[in-house]
């Protein structure tokens, strides 16, 4: 059952939806009253097709062409938290106080070197922020995504 107050688990789960599971495992995605969807070719032109779903007014799911979930996101209407502390809608200032490190990568913010979770930077900071000091502390970070971003992690020598 979908739960918009379930804990956010880095690289694993949000809303009781799980990475690596098939969207067909969740009957709610068959109900057009709750789900909107569309498909696009991968923006990096790899030839793969991704399917995007909006579930209600707070959850987003991305699947591979075969229906396997590869990303789960939420907005500020989601009530669950990451490690009981971080949540969608948190201010940049509060996030900085509650985390030991922050890193801007590809229009997102990675915290505590956790490459299974990201905060989406809002416009215009998604286009202009190169450093943390470019983002005002009162900026709200309204979207969180759970995905495998491990390929972004610095390579250990």
Protein backbone atom coordinates (compact mmCIF):
# COMPACT_ATOMS: atom_id res chain seq x y z
CA UNK A 1 0.00 0.00 0.00
CA UNK A 2 1.28 3.46 -0.91
CA UNK A 3 2.07 5.57 2.16
CA UNK A 4 3.05 9.22 1.68
CA UNK A 5 4.37 9.38 5.23
CA UNK A 6 6.67 6.33 4.95
CA UNK A 7 10.34 6.85 5.70
CA UNK A 8 12.53 7.76 2.73
CA UNK A 9 15.22 5.10 2.34
CA UNK A 10 18.23 6.18 0.30
CA UNK A 11 18.64 4.19 -2.91
CA UNK A 12 15.80 1.90 -1.89
CA UNK A 13 12.32 3.19 -1.21
CA UNK A 14 9.85 6.02 -0.84
CA UNK A 15 6.12 5.77 -0.15
CA UNK A 16 6.41 1.97 0.17
CA UNK A 17 7.50 1.83 -3.48
CA UNK A 18 10.80 0.02 -4.02
CA UNK A 19 13.61 0.48 -6.52
CA UNK A 20 14.13 -2.56 -8.72
CA UNK A 21 10.55 -3.78 -8.39
CA UNK A 22 8.21 -3.77 -11.34
CA UNK A 23 5.50 -1.13 -11.43
CA UNK A 24 3.03 -3.93 -12.26
CA UNK A 25 3.51 -5.11 -8.64
CA UNK A 26 1.57 -2.03 -7.51
CA UNK A 27 -2.13 -2.18 -8.51
CA UNK A 28 -2.62 1.56 -7.84
CA UNK A 29 -0.72 2.30 -11.08
CA UNK A 30 -3.58 0.74 -13.06
CA UNK A 31 -6.06 3.33 -11.74
CA UNK A 32 -6.25 6.34 -14.12
CA UNK A 33 -7.98 8.35 -11.38
CA UNK A 34 -4.70 8.43 -9.38
CA UNK A 35 -2.01 8.15 -12.05
CA UNK A 36 -0.78 10.30 -14.94
CA UNK A 37 1.96 8.98 -17.18
CA UNK A 38 4.08 9.67 -20.24
CA UNK A 39 7.11 8.15 -21.95
CA UNK A 40 10.22 9.73 -23.44
CA UNK A 41 13.51 8.67 -24.91
CA UNK A 42 16.37 8.96 -22.43
CA UNK A 43 17.69 12.55 -22.51
CA UNK A 44 21.26 11.26 -22.80
CA UNK A 45 20.29 9.65 -26.10
CA UNK A 46 21.18 6.12 -25.07
CA UNK A 47 18.21 4.80 -27.02
CA UNK A 48 16.37 3.56 -23.95
CA UNK A 49 12.80 4.65 -23.23
CA UNK A 50 11.82 5.83 -19.75
CA UNK A 51 8.26 5.96 -18.42
CA UNK A 52 7.26 8.68 -15.96
CA UNK A 53 4.32 8.41 -13.58
CA UNK A 54 2.77 10.95 -11.20
CA UNK A 55 0.91 9.27 -8.38
CA UNK A 56 -1.63 11.55 -6.71
CA UNK A 57 -0.20 14.93 -5.86
CA UNK A 58 3.04 13.97 -4.14
CA UNK A 59 4.91 11.00 -5.70
CA UNK A 60 6.77 10.50 -8.99
CA UNK A 61 8.04 7.20 -10.36
CA UNK A 62 10.38 6.55 -13.28
CA UNK A 63 10.63 3.11 -14.84
CA UNK A 64 12.70 1.46 -17.50
CA UNK A 65 10.84 0.30 -20.60
CA UNK A 66 10.19 -3.10 -18.97
CA UNK A 67 8.46 -1.46 -15.96
CA UNK A 68 11.32 -1.81 -13.46
CA UNK A 69 11.41 1.19 -11.11
CA UNK A 70 14.67 3.14 -11.45
CA UNK A 71 13.78 6.37 -9.58
CA UNK A 72 11.19 7.55 -7.05
CA UNK A 73 10.60 11.19 -6.19
CA UNK A 74 8.34 13.34 -4.08
CA UNK A 75 7.40 16.94 -3.51
CA UNK A 76 6.66 19.02 -0.42
CA UNK A 77 3.26 17.31 0.04
CA UNK A 78 5.04 14.09 1.01
CA UNK A 79 5.18 13.68 4.81
CA UNK A 80 7.89 11.04 5.22
CA UNK A 81 11.45 11.91 6.15
CA UNK A 82 14.94 10.73 5.35
CA UNK A 83 16.65 9.41 8.50
CA UNK A 84 13.87 11.04 10.50
CA UNK A 85 15.29 14.51 9.83
CA UNK A 86 15.39 15.67 6.20
CA UNK A 87 12.18 16.23 4.25
CA UNK A 88 10.87 17.78 1.04
CA UNK A 89 10.28 21.51 1.57
CA UNK A 90 13.25 21.94 3.90
CA UNK A 91 15.08 25.26 3.61
CA UNK A 92 18.66 25.35 2.38
CA UNK A 93 19.72 26.86 5.70
CA UNK A 94 18.14 24.07 7.73
CA UNK A 95 19.62 21.44 5.42
CA UNK A 96 23.11 22.89 5.88
CA UNK A 97 22.68 22.82 9.68
CA UNK A 98 21.46 19.20 9.70
CA UNK A 99 24.03 17.67 7.32
CA UNK A 100 27.80 17.37 7.41
CA UNK A 101 28.38 17.93 3.68
CA UNK A 102 26.53 19.16 0.62
CA UNK A 103 27.55 18.87 -3.01
CA UNK A 104 25.94 20.32 -6.15
CA UNK A 105 25.91 17.83 -9.03
CA UNK A 106 23.83 18.03 -12.23
CA UNK A 107 21.23 20.48 -10.87
CA UNK A 108 20.80 18.48 -7.68
CA UNK A 109 22.14 18.54 -4.16
CA UNK A 110 23.77 15.46 -2.65
CA UNK A 111 24.13 15.47 1.15
CA UNK A 112 26.49 13.55 3.43
CA UNK A 113 28.07 11.84 0.40
CA UNK A 114 24.89 9.72 0.09
CA UNK A 115 24.57 8.95 -3.62
CA UNK A 116 21.21 7.19 -3.25
CA UNK A 117 19.28 10.40 -2.59
CA UNK A 118 19.18 13.90 -4.02
CA UNK A 119 17.37 17.20 -3.55
CA UNK A 120 16.38 18.92 -6.79
CA UNK A 121 17.56 22.53 -6.96
CA UNK A 122 14.66 24.87 -7.81
CA UNK A 123 14.73 27.39 -10.64
CA UNK A 124 16.80 29.50 -11.14
CA UNK A 125 19.44 27.81 -8.94
CA UNK A 126 19.30 24.66 -11.05
CA UNK A 127 20.83 26.73 -13.85
CA UNK A 128 23.04 29.24 -12.05
CA UNK A 129 24.30 27.64 -8.84
CA UNK A 130 27.84 26.35 -9.11
CA UNK A 131 28.60 26.63 -5.41
CA UNK A 132 26.54 26.38 -2.23
CA UNK A 133 27.03 30.08 -1.54
CA UNK A 134 25.00 30.76 -4.72
CA UNK A 135 21.84 29.40 -3.06
CA UNK A 136 20.09 31.66 -0.53
CA UNK A 137 19.53 29.98 2.84
CA UNK A 138 15.76 30.61 2.68
CA UNK A 139 15.43 28.66 -0.60
CA UNK A 140 13.02 25.72 -0.25
CA UNK A 141 14.13 22.34 -1.59
CA UNK A 142 10.74 20.90 -2.50
CA UNK A 143 11.72 17.70 -4.33
CA UNK A 144 13.66 14.64 -3.19
CA UNK A 145 14.59 11.69 -5.41
CA UNK A 146 15.72 8.20 -4.49
CA UNK A 147 17.87 6.73 -7.24
CA UNK A 148 21.28 5.15 -7.78
CA UNK A 149 23.65 8.08 -8.27
CA UNK A 150 26.73 6.05 -7.30
CA UNK A 151 28.33 6.82 -10.68
CA UNK A 152 28.57 10.46 -9.50
CA UNK A 153 30.63 9.56 -6.44
CA UNK A 154 34.27 10.60 -6.54
CA UNK A 155 36.51 7.70 -7.47
CA UNK A 156 38.66 6.45 -4.62
CA UNK A 157 42.37 6.26 -5.31
